[in-house]
């Protein structure tokens, strides 16, 4: 049983004094409950941090997929148009040139999106590249 024992003499006399014993059982139990509560709080907090990271990664992944898919879809559409122009009975080479030029432009846009994403992962000075600024540049 945890106890606190103390004794003191009165003044300079050694034949008179007081002694006491305090039971610390309840205090130790409460301290243990506090430690357990803090441990559980820390675990819940870590779970919330993890859940927040997972949600953020899901949103970021969806945004990246959207940014990459747009120019890829445009590239495919322009390449399909170029094939249709070539397959015509009288191929219109100017339309083919324009469609292939647009496909090249869209392919380069895809490269720019991927480069912007890569720049976000590099250790660059603060403010150099952000996802928002990358998206803003790509939309212009």
Protein backbone atom coordinates (compact mmCIF):
# COMPACT_ATOMS: atom_id res chain seq x y z
CA UNK A 1 0.00 0.00 0.00
CA UNK A 2 1.51 3.39 -0.93
CA UNK A 3 1.77 5.69 2.07
CA UNK A 4 3.48 8.91 3.02
CA UNK A 5 5.10 8.92 6.47
CA UNK A 6 6.29 12.11 8.15
CA UNK A 7 7.51 13.25 11.53
CA UNK A 8 8.57 16.54 13.04
CA UNK A 9 9.72 17.74 16.45
CA UNK A 10 8.51 20.92 18.12
CA UNK A 11 11.12 23.61 18.34
CA UNK A 12 14.47 22.35 19.42
CA UNK A 13 13.03 19.63 21.67
CA UNK A 14 13.46 16.05 20.67
CA UNK A 15 11.05 14.60 23.19
CA UNK A 16 7.92 16.25 21.72
CA UNK A 17 6.67 16.10 18.16
CA UNK A 18 4.11 14.82 15.75
CA UNK A 19 4.05 11.98 13.26
CA UNK A 20 1.57 11.11 10.50
CA UNK A 21 0.81 8.46 7.89
CA UNK A 22 -1.20 9.31 4.75
CA UNK A 23 -2.70 6.58 2.56
CA UNK A 24 -1.81 7.40 -1.08
CA UNK A 25 -3.76 4.53 -2.69
CA UNK A 26 -6.52 6.76 -4.09
CA UNK A 27 -4.02 9.30 -5.41
CA UNK A 28 -2.00 6.59 -7.20
CA UNK A 29 -5.19 5.15 -8.72
CA UNK A 30 -6.24 8.57 -10.02
CA UNK A 31 -2.75 9.21 -11.43
CA UNK A 32 -2.88 5.89 -13.27
CA UNK A 33 -6.33 6.74 -14.66
CA UNK A 34 -4.98 10.09 -15.87
CA UNK A 35 -2.03 8.39 -17.59
CA UNK A 36 -4.36 5.89 -19.26
CA UNK A 37 -6.70 8.66 -20.37
CA UNK A 38 -3.78 10.62 -21.84
CA UNK A 39 -2.57 7.49 -23.66
CA UNK A 40 -6.04 6.90 -25.16
CA UNK A 41 -6.30 10.59 -26.12
CA UNK A 42 -2.94 10.36 -27.88
CA UNK A 43 -4.04 7.25 -29.78
CA UNK A 44 -7.29 8.89 -30.91
CA UNK A 45 -5.41 12.01 -31.93
CA UNK A 46 -2.97 9.92 -34.02
CA UNK A 47 -5.91 8.14 -35.69
CA UNK A 48 -7.47 11.49 -36.57
CA UNK A 49 -4.18 12.75 -38.01
CA UNK A 50 -3.95 9.60 -40.13
CA UNK A 51 -7.57 9.92 -41.29
CA UNK A 52 -6.91 13.53 -42.25
CA UNK A 53 -3.84 12.52 -44.26
CA UNK A 54 -5.78 9.78 -46.05
CA UNK A 55 -8.60 12.21 -46.90
CA UNK A 56 -6.12 14.81 -48.13
CA UNK A 57 -4.32 12.24 -50.28
CA UNK A 58 -7.65 11.15 -51.77
CA UNK A 59 -8.53 14.72 -52.69
CA UNK A 60 -5.06 15.38 -54.05
CA UNK A 61 -5.12 12.15 -56.10
CA UNK A 62 -8.49 13.05 -57.60
CA UNK A 63 -7.27 16.54 -58.47
CA UNK A 64 -4.06 15.23 -60.04
CA UNK A 65 -5.97 12.60 -62.02
CA UNK A 66 -8.33 15.29 -63.33
CA UNK A 67 -5.46 17.61 -64.29
CA UNK A 68 -3.61 14.81 -66.13
CA UNK A 69 -6.68 13.26 -67.79
CA UNK A 70 -7.86 16.48 -69.46
CA UNK A 71 -4.85 16.98 -71.75
CA UNK A 72 -4.53 13.24 -72.39
CA UNK A 73 -8.18 13.04 -73.50
CA UNK A 74 -7.66 16.09 -75.72
CA UNK A 75 -4.56 14.47 -77.25
CA UNK A 76 -6.49 11.30 -78.06
CA UNK A 77 -9.38 13.29 -79.55
CA UNK A 78 -7.04 15.31 -81.77
CA UNK A 79 -5.15 12.19 -82.89
CA UNK A 80 -8.47 10.50 -83.75
CA UNK A 81 -9.49 13.56 -85.77
CA UNK A 82 -6.17 13.45 -87.62
CA UNK A 83 -6.77 9.79 -88.48
CA UNK A 84 -10.27 10.60 -89.77
CA UNK A 85 -8.84 13.40 -91.93
CA UNK A 86 -6.21 11.01 -93.33
CA UNK A 87 -8.77 8.27 -94.00
CA UNK A 88 -10.98 10.59 -96.04
CA UNK A 89 -11.16 9.94 -99.79
CA UNK A 90 -9.32 13.21 -100.27
CA UNK A 91 -7.19 13.69 -97.15
CA UNK A 92 -7.08 17.28 -96.00
CA UNK A 93 -3.46 17.59 -94.98
CA UNK A 94 -3.94 21.06 -93.46
CA UNK A 95 -6.62 19.71 -91.10
CA UNK A 96 -4.33 16.77 -90.28
CA UNK A 97 -1.49 19.22 -89.53
CA UNK A 98 -3.75 21.28 -87.26
CA UNK A 99 -5.08 18.21 -85.41
CA UNK A 100 -1.57 16.82 -84.89
CA UNK A 101 -0.32 20.26 -83.78
CA UNK A 102 -3.14 20.38 -81.20
CA UNK A 103 -2.23 16.85 -80.08
CA UNK A 104 1.39 17.91 -79.60
CA UNK A 105 0.25 21.00 -77.65
CA UNK A 106 -1.96 18.85 -75.41
CA UNK A 107 0.84 16.33 -74.92
CA UNK A 108 3.15 19.15 -73.84
CA UNK A 109 0.43 20.37 -71.47
CA UNK A 110 0.38 16.90 -69.92
CA UNK A 111 4.16 17.06 -69.48
CA UNK A 112 3.78 20.49 -67.81
CA UNK A 113 1.20 19.09 -65.37
CA UNK A 114 3.48 16.18 -64.45
CA UNK A 115 6.49 18.50 -64.11
CA UNK A 116 4.43 20.74 -61.81
CA UNK A 117 3.52 17.75 -59.67
CA UNK A 118 7.15 16.67 -59.51
CA UNK A 119 8.21 20.19 -58.51
CA UNK A 120 5.85 19.99 -55.55
CA UNK A 121 7.67 16.91 -54.29
CA UNK A 122 11.14 18.43 -54.55
CA UNK A 123 12.75 20.36 -51.73
CA UNK A 124 12.41 23.80 -53.24
CA UNK A 125 12.53 27.14 -51.43
CA UNK A 126 9.17 28.17 -49.96
CA UNK A 127 6.84 29.83 -52.43
CA UNK A 128 8.69 28.62 -55.50
CA UNK A 129 6.02 26.22 -56.72
CA UNK A 130 2.65 25.31 -55.29
CA UNK A 131 -0.11 23.08 -56.56
CA UNK A 132 -2.40 26.11 -56.87
CA UNK A 133 0.15 28.08 -58.91
CA UNK A 134 0.82 24.99 -61.04
CA UNK A 135 -2.89 24.63 -61.77
CA UNK A 136 -3.23 28.35 -62.49
CA UNK A 137 -0.34 28.21 -65.00
CA UNK A 138 -1.75 25.12 -66.69
CA UNK A 139 -5.21 26.61 -67.13
CA UNK A 140 -3.86 29.70 -68.92
